[in-house]
PDB file of N, CA and C in Angstrom:
ATOM      1  N   MET A   1       0.655  -1.721  -0.081  1.00  0.00           N
ATOM      2  CA  MET A   1      -0.092   0.212   0.327  1.00  0.00           C
ATOM      3  C   MET A   1       0.988   1.184  -0.127  1.00  0.00           C
ATOM      4  N   GLU A   2       0.707   2.290  -0.657  1.00  0.00           N
ATOM      5  CA  GLU A   2       1.445   3.388  -0.661  1.00  0.00           C
ATOM      6  C   GLU A   2       0.644   4.283  -0.180  1.00  0.00           C
ATOM      7  N   LYS A   3       1.351   5.468   0.739  1.00  0.00           N
ATOM      8  CA  LYS A   3       1.141   6.316   2.270  1.00  0.00           C
ATOM      9  C   LYS A   3       1.765   7.123   1.233  1.00  0.00           C
ATOM     10  N   VAL A   4       0.898   8.828   1.407  1.00  0.00           N
ATOM     11  CA  VAL A   4       1.242  10.377   1.361  1.00  0.00           C
ATOM     12  C   VAL A   4       1.511  10.505   2.355  1.00  0.00           C
ATOM     13  N   LYS A   5       2.708  11.234   2.293  1.00  0.00           N
ATOM     14  CA  LYS A   5       3.644  12.182   3.547  1.00  0.00           C
ATOM     15  C   LYS A   5       3.552  13.518   3.097  1.00  0.00           C
ATOM     16  N   VAL A   6       3.898  14.496   4.324  1.00  0.00           N
ATOM     17  CA  VAL A   6       4.194  15.797   3.942  1.00  0.00           C
ATOM     18  C   VAL A   6       5.330  15.885   5.162  1.00  0.00           C
ATOM     19  N   ILE A   7       6.528  16.384   4.409  1.00  0.00           N
ATOM     20  CA  ILE A   7       7.688  16.776   5.349  1.00  0.00           C
ATOM     21  C   ILE A   7       7.316  18.177   5.818  1.00  0.00           C
ATOM     22  N   LYS A   8       7.078  18.017   7.073  1.00  0.00           N
ATOM     23  CA  LYS A   8       6.933  19.059   8.027  1.00  0.00           C
ATOM     24  C   LYS A   8       7.908  20.767   7.585  1.00  0.00           C
ATOM     25  N   GLU A   9       9.335  20.123   7.960  1.00  0.00           N
ATOM     26  CA  GLU A   9      10.494  20.904   7.721  1.00  0.00           C
ATOM     27  C   GLU A   9      10.401  21.755   6.284  1.00  0.00           C
ATOM     28  N   LYS A  10       9.400  21.048   5.082  1.00  0.00           N
ATOM     29  CA  LYS A  10       9.551  21.881   4.223  1.00  0.00           C
ATOM     30  C   LYS A  10       8.230  22.551   4.044  1.00  0.00           C
ATOM     31  N   CYS A  11       7.440  22.602   4.717  1.00  0.00           N
ATOM     32  CA  CYS A  11       6.030  22.866   4.002  1.00  0.00           C
ATOM     33  C   CYS A  11       6.431  24.214   4.417  1.00  0.00           C
ATOM     34  N   ILE A  12       5.855  25.143   3.684  1.00  0.00           N
ATOM     35  CA  ILE A  12       5.143  26.506   3.994  1.00  0.00           C
ATOM     36  C   ILE A  12       3.973  26.803   4.220  1.00  0.00           C
ATOM     37  N   GLY A  13       2.874  26.021   3.925  1.00  0.00           N
ATOM     38  CA  GLY A  13       1.386  26.207   3.976  1.00  0.00           C
ATOM     39  C   GLY A  13       0.929  26.916   2.756  1.00  0.00           C
ATOM     40  N   CYS A  14       1.313  26.818   1.848  1.00  0.00           N
ATOM     41  CA  CYS A  14       0.779  27.278   0.850  1.00  0.00           C
ATOM     42  C   CYS A  14      -0.742  27.303   0.703  1.00  0.00           C
ATOM     43  N   GLY A  15      -1.070  25.746   0.733  1.00  0.00           N
ATOM     44  CA  GLY A  15      -2.471  25.346   0.821  1.00  0.00           C
ATOM     45  C   GLY A  15      -2.939  24.446  -0.604  1.00  0.00           C
ATOM     46  N   MET A  16      -1.546  24.799  -1.720  1.00  0.00           N
ATOM     47  CA  MET A  16      -2.132  24.129  -2.902  1.00  0.00           C
ATOM     48  C   MET A  16      -2.644  22.569  -2.619  1.00  0.00           C
ATOM     49  N   CYS A  17      -2.205  21.545  -1.960  1.00  0.00           N
ATOM     50  CA  CYS A  17      -2.441  20.518  -1.568  1.00  0.00           C
ATOM     51  C   CYS A  17      -3.746  20.736  -0.923  1.00  0.00           C
ATOM     52  N   VAL A  18      -4.049  21.372  -0.344  1.00  0.00           N
ATOM     53  CA  VAL A  18      -5.429  21.362   0.153  1.00  0.00           C
ATOM     54  C   VAL A  18      -6.695  21.916  -0.203  1.00  0.00           C
ATOM     55  N   GLY A  19      -6.144  22.319  -1.418  1.00  0.00           N
ATOM     56  CA  GLY A  19      -7.283  22.754  -2.385  1.00  0.00           C
ATOM     57  C   GLY A  19      -7.585  22.160  -3.127  1.00  0.00           C
ATOM     58  N   GLN A  20      -6.432  21.081  -3.472  1.00  0.00           N
ATOM     59  CA  GLN A  20      -6.379  20.025  -4.842  1.00  0.00           C
ATOM     60  C   GLN A  20      -7.043  18.911  -4.141  1.00  0.00           C
ATOM     61  N   ASN A  21      -6.652  18.535  -3.176  1.00  0.00           N
ATOM     62  CA  ASN A  21      -6.843  17.010  -2.103  1.00  0.00           C
ATOM     63  C   ASN A  21      -7.218  17.356  -0.519  1.00  0.00           C
ATOM     64  N   PRO A  22      -8.501  18.023  -0.704  1.00  0.00           N
ATOM     65  CA  PRO A  22      -8.995  18.035   0.571  1.00  0.00           C
ATOM     66  C   PRO A  22      -9.332  16.892   1.208  1.00  0.00           C
ATOM     67  N   GLY A  23      -9.556  15.679   0.545  1.00  0.00           N
ATOM     68  CA  GLY A  23      -9.945  14.252   1.632  1.00  0.00           C
ATOM     69  C   GLY A  23      -8.427  13.885   2.118  1.00  0.00           C
ATOM     70  N   TYR A  24      -7.564  14.685   1.182  1.00  0.00           N
ATOM     71  CA  TYR A  24      -5.876  13.628   2.123  1.00  0.00           C
ATOM     72  C   TYR A  24      -5.161  15.067   3.092  1.00  0.00           C
ATOM     73  N   PHE A  25      -5.284  15.967   2.725  1.00  0.00           N
ATOM     74  CA  PHE A  25      -4.607  17.115   3.387  1.00  0.00           C
ATOM     75  C   PHE A  25      -5.449  18.201   4.031  1.00  0.00           C
ATOM     76  N   SER A  26      -5.180  18.452   5.548  1.00  0.00           N
ATOM     77  CA  SER A  26      -5.542  19.941   5.640  1.00  0.00           C
ATOM     78  C   SER A  26      -4.413  20.639   6.567  1.00  0.00           C
ATOM     79  N   PHE A  27      -5.109  22.059   6.897  1.00  0.00           N
ATOM     80  CA  PHE A  27      -4.150  22.194   8.029  1.00  0.00           C
ATOM     81  C   PHE A  27      -3.773  22.016   9.229  1.00  0.00           C
ATOM     82  N   GLY A  28      -3.097  21.749   9.767  1.00  0.00           N
ATOM     83  CA  GLY A  28      -2.917  21.392  11.194  1.00  0.00           C
ATOM     84  C   GLY A  28      -2.910  22.996  11.808  1.00  0.00           C
ATOM     85  N   ASP A  29      -2.661  22.614  13.187  1.00  0.00           N
ATOM     86  CA  ASP A  29      -2.893  23.863  14.326  1.00  0.00           C
ATOM     87  C   ASP A  29      -1.441  24.768  14.046  1.00  0.00           C
ATOM     88  N   ASP A  30      -0.549  23.821  13.017  1.00  0.00           N
ATOM     89  CA  ASP A  30       0.459  25.233  12.787  1.00  0.00           C
ATOM     90  C   ASP A  30       0.769  25.715  11.772  1.00  0.00           C
ATOM     91  N   GLY A  31      -0.492  25.334  11.241  1.00  0.00           N
ATOM     92  CA  GLY A  31      -0.762  26.447   9.926  1.00  0.00           C
ATOM     93  C   GLY A  31       0.176  25.901   8.366  1.00  0.00           C
ATOM     94  N   LEU A  32       0.502  24.644   9.031  1.00  0.00           N
ATOM     95  CA  LEU A  32       1.312  23.588   7.432  1.00  0.00           C
ATOM     96  C   LEU A  32       0.245  22.299   7.609  1.00  0.00           C
ATOM     97  N   SER A  33       0.082  21.779   5.939  1.00  0.00           N
ATOM     98  CA  SER A  33      -0.270  20.835   5.643  1.00  0.00           C
ATOM     99  C   SER A  33      -0.089  19.562   6.549  1.00  0.00           C
ATOM    100  N   THR A  34      -0.915  18.727   7.050  1.00  0.00           N
ATOM    101  CA  THR A  34      -1.198  17.676   7.426  1.00  0.00           C
ATOM    102  C   THR A  34      -2.003  16.668   6.524  1.00  0.00           C
ATOM    103  N   VAL A  35      -1.720  15.494   6.723  1.00  0.00           N
ATOM    104  CA  VAL A  35      -2.134  13.990   6.160  1.00  0.00           C
ATOM    105  C   VAL A  35      -2.904  13.851   6.915  1.00  0.00           C
ATOM    106  N   ILE A  36      -4.405  14.110   6.279  1.00  0.00           N
ATOM    107  CA  ILE A  36      -5.552  13.160   7.148  1.00  0.00           C
ATOM    108  C   ILE A  36      -5.940  12.092   6.486  1.00  0.00           C
ATOM    109  N   LYS A  37      -5.891  11.527   5.402  1.00  0.00           N
ATOM    110  CA  LYS A  37      -6.094  10.280   4.954  1.00  0.00           C
ATOM    111  C   LYS A  37      -4.566   9.864   4.145  1.00  0.00           C
ATOM    112  N   GLU A  38      -3.801   8.692   5.236  1.00  0.00           N
ATOM    113  CA  GLU A  38      -2.156   8.071   4.573  1.00  0.00           C
ATOM    114  C   GLU A  38      -2.319   7.358   3.142  1.00  0.00           C
ATOM    115  N   ASP A  39      -3.079   6.215   3.269  1.00  0.00           N
ATOM    116  CA  ASP A  39      -3.395   5.435   2.174  1.00  0.00           C
ATOM    117  C   ASP A  39      -4.082   6.029   1.162  1.00  0.00           C
ATOM    118  N   VAL A  40      -2.846   5.734  -0.140  1.00  0.00           N
ATOM    119  CA  VAL A  40      -3.542   6.291  -1.775  1.00  0.00           C
ATOM    120  C   VAL A  40      -4.735   5.751  -2.364  1.00  0.00           C
ATOM    121  N   ASN A  41      -5.486   6.051  -2.196  1.00  0.00           N
ATOM    122  CA  ASN A  41      -6.326   4.657  -2.930  1.00  0.00           C
ATOM    123  C   ASN A  41      -5.866   5.215  -4.896  1.00  0.00           C
ATOM    124  N   PRO A  42      -5.849   4.181  -5.340  1.00  0.00           N
ATOM    125  CA  PRO A  42      -5.649   4.071  -6.852  1.00  0.00           C
ATOM    126  C   PRO A  42      -6.094   5.238  -7.718  1.00  0.00           C
ATOM    127  N   ASP A  43      -7.514   5.443  -7.153  1.00  0.00           N
ATOM    128  CA  ASP A  43      -8.145   6.111  -8.136  1.00  0.00           C
ATOM    129  C   ASP A  43      -7.873   7.719  -8.101  1.00  0.00           C
ATOM    130  N   ASP A  44      -7.196   8.079  -6.769  1.00  0.00           N
ATOM    131  CA  ASP A  44      -6.543   9.282  -6.355  1.00  0.00           C
ATOM    132  C   ASP A  44      -5.137   9.820  -6.615  1.00  0.00           C
ATOM    133  N   LYS A  45      -4.737   8.585  -7.222  1.00  0.00           N
ATOM    134  CA  LYS A  45      -2.973   8.813  -7.283  1.00  0.00           C
ATOM    135  C   LYS A  45      -2.697   9.574  -8.426  1.00  0.00           C
ATOM    136  N   ALA A  46      -3.303   9.509  -9.849  1.00  0.00           N
ATOM    137  CA  ALA A  46      -2.982  11.039 -10.443  1.00  0.00           C
ATOM    138  C   ALA A  46      -3.153  12.405  -9.795  1.00  0.00           C
ATOM    139  N   SER A  47      -4.351  12.637  -9.095  1.00  0.00           N
ATOM    140  CA  SER A  47      -4.418  13.895  -8.400  1.00  0.00           C
ATOM    141  C   SER A  47      -3.588  14.070  -7.433  1.00  0.00           C
ATOM    142  N   ILE A  48      -3.316  13.262  -6.360  1.00  0.00           N
ATOM    143  CA  ILE A  48      -2.282  13.240  -5.405  1.00  0.00           C
ATOM    144  C   ILE A  48      -0.786  13.627  -6.089  1.00  0.00           C
ATOM    145  N   LEU A  49      -0.210  12.542  -7.562  1.00  0.00           N
ATOM    146  CA  LEU A  49       0.772  13.057  -7.699  1.00  0.00           C
ATOM    147  C   LEU A  49       0.886  14.818  -8.472  1.00  0.00           C
ATOM    148  N   GLU A  50      -0.294  15.373  -8.867  1.00  0.00           N
ATOM    149  CA  GLU A  50      -0.467  16.904  -9.492  1.00  0.00           C
ATOM    150  C   GLU A  50       0.058  17.756  -8.384  1.00  0.00           C
ATOM    151  N   SER A  51      -0.405  17.321  -7.165  1.00  0.00           N
ATOM    152  CA  SER A  51       0.003  18.017  -6.023  1.00  0.00           C
ATOM    153  C   SER A  51       1.435  18.328  -5.328  1.00  0.00           C
ATOM    154  N   ILE A  52       2.009  16.595  -5.767  1.00  0.00           N
ATOM    155  CA  ILE A  52       3.456  16.540  -5.574  1.00  0.00           C
ATOM    156  C   ILE A  52       4.156  17.630  -6.620  1.00  0.00           C
ATOM    157  N   GLU A  53       3.866  17.583  -7.673  1.00  0.00           N
ATOM    158  CA  GLU A  53       4.152  18.479  -8.898  1.00  0.00           C
ATOM    159  C   GLU A  53       3.916  20.274  -8.337  1.00  0.00           C
ATOM    160  N   MET A  54       2.887  20.384  -7.606  1.00  0.00           N
ATOM    161  CA  MET A  54       2.591  21.667  -7.866  1.00  0.00           C
ATOM    162  C   MET A  54       3.335  22.183  -6.344  1.00  0.00           C
ATOM    163  N   CYS A  55       3.692  21.499  -5.525  1.00  0.00           N
ATOM    164  CA  CYS A  55       4.164  21.922  -4.409  1.00  0.00           C
ATOM    165  C   CYS A  55       5.314  22.876  -4.715  1.00  0.00           C
ATOM    166  N   PRO A  56       5.693  24.250  -4.088  1.00  0.00           N
ATOM    167  CA  PRO A  56       6.884  24.668  -4.080  1.00  0.00           C
ATOM    168  C   PRO A  56       8.202  24.303  -3.447  1.00  0.00           C
ATOM    169  N   THR A  57       7.873  23.603  -2.608  1.00  0.00           N
ATOM    170  CA  THR A  57       8.942  23.295  -1.466  1.00  0.00           C
ATOM    171  C   THR A  57       9.358  21.503  -1.387  1.00  0.00           C
ATOM    172  N   GLU A  58       8.508  20.882  -2.368  1.00  0.00           N
ATOM    173  CA  GLU A  58       8.646  19.618  -2.743  1.00  0.00           C
ATOM    174  C   GLU A  58       8.434  18.895  -1.069  1.00  0.00           C
ATOM    175  N   ALA A  59       7.471  19.245  -0.591  1.00  0.00           N
ATOM    176  CA  ALA A  59       6.932  18.784   1.104  1.00  0.00           C
ATOM    177  C   ALA A  59       6.187  17.804   1.081  1.00  0.00           C
ATOM    178  N   ILE A  60       5.856  17.215  -0.559  1.00  0.00           N
ATOM    179  CA  ILE A  60       4.754  15.992  -0.328  1.00  0.00           C
ATOM    180  C   ILE A  60       5.310  14.683  -0.942  1.00  0.00           C
ATOM    181  N   LEU A  61       5.156  13.489  -0.419  1.00  0.00           N
ATOM    182  CA  LEU A  61       6.094  12.205  -1.227  1.00  0.00           C
ATOM    183  C   LEU A  61       4.934  11.453  -0.841  1.00  0.00           C
ATOM    184  N   ILE A  62       5.021  10.463  -2.273  1.00  0.00           N
ATOM    185  CA  ILE A  62       4.469   9.286  -1.854  1.00  0.00           C
ATOM    186  C   ILE A  62       5.143   7.795  -1.715  1.00  0.00           C
ATOM    187  N   GLU A  63       5.022   7.053  -0.337  1.00  0.00           N
ATOM    188  CA  GLU A  63       5.928   6.092  -0.076  1.00  0.00           C
ATOM    189  C   GLU A  63       5.259   4.460  -0.298  1.00  0.00           C
ATOM    190  N   GLU A  64       6.118   4.059  -0.778  1.00  0.00           N
ATOM    191  CA  GLU A  64       5.400   2.417  -0.455  1.00  0.00           C
ATOM    192  C   GLU A  64       5.928   1.848   0.896  1.00  0.00           C
ATOM    193  N   GLU A  65       4.642   1.611   1.361  1.00  0.00           N
ATOM    194  CA  GLU A  65       4.163   0.777   2.587  1.00  0.00           C
ATOM    195  C   GLU A  65       5.128  -0.352   2.846  1.00  0.00           C
ATOM    196  N   LYS A  66       6.285  -0.514   4.343  1.00  0.00           N
ATOM    197  CA  LYS A  66       7.270  -1.399   4.055  1.00  0.00           C
ATOM    198  C   LYS A  66       6.951  -2.580   5.053  1.00  0.00           C
TER     199      LYS A  66
END
């Protein structure tokens, strides 16, 4: 299973991921993006990959669960 992650140290809270994929990302109490649904649904993967490409700080990634 693939999981989406946000690297907090890189996130600047621009909100592009939250706007594009509100089912996966939300703003945390710190104003930064946080993952609210880790498991990547195959039907949503293309949209998540778009968020990864749009992220200005490359703070989002998809990892294969080990």
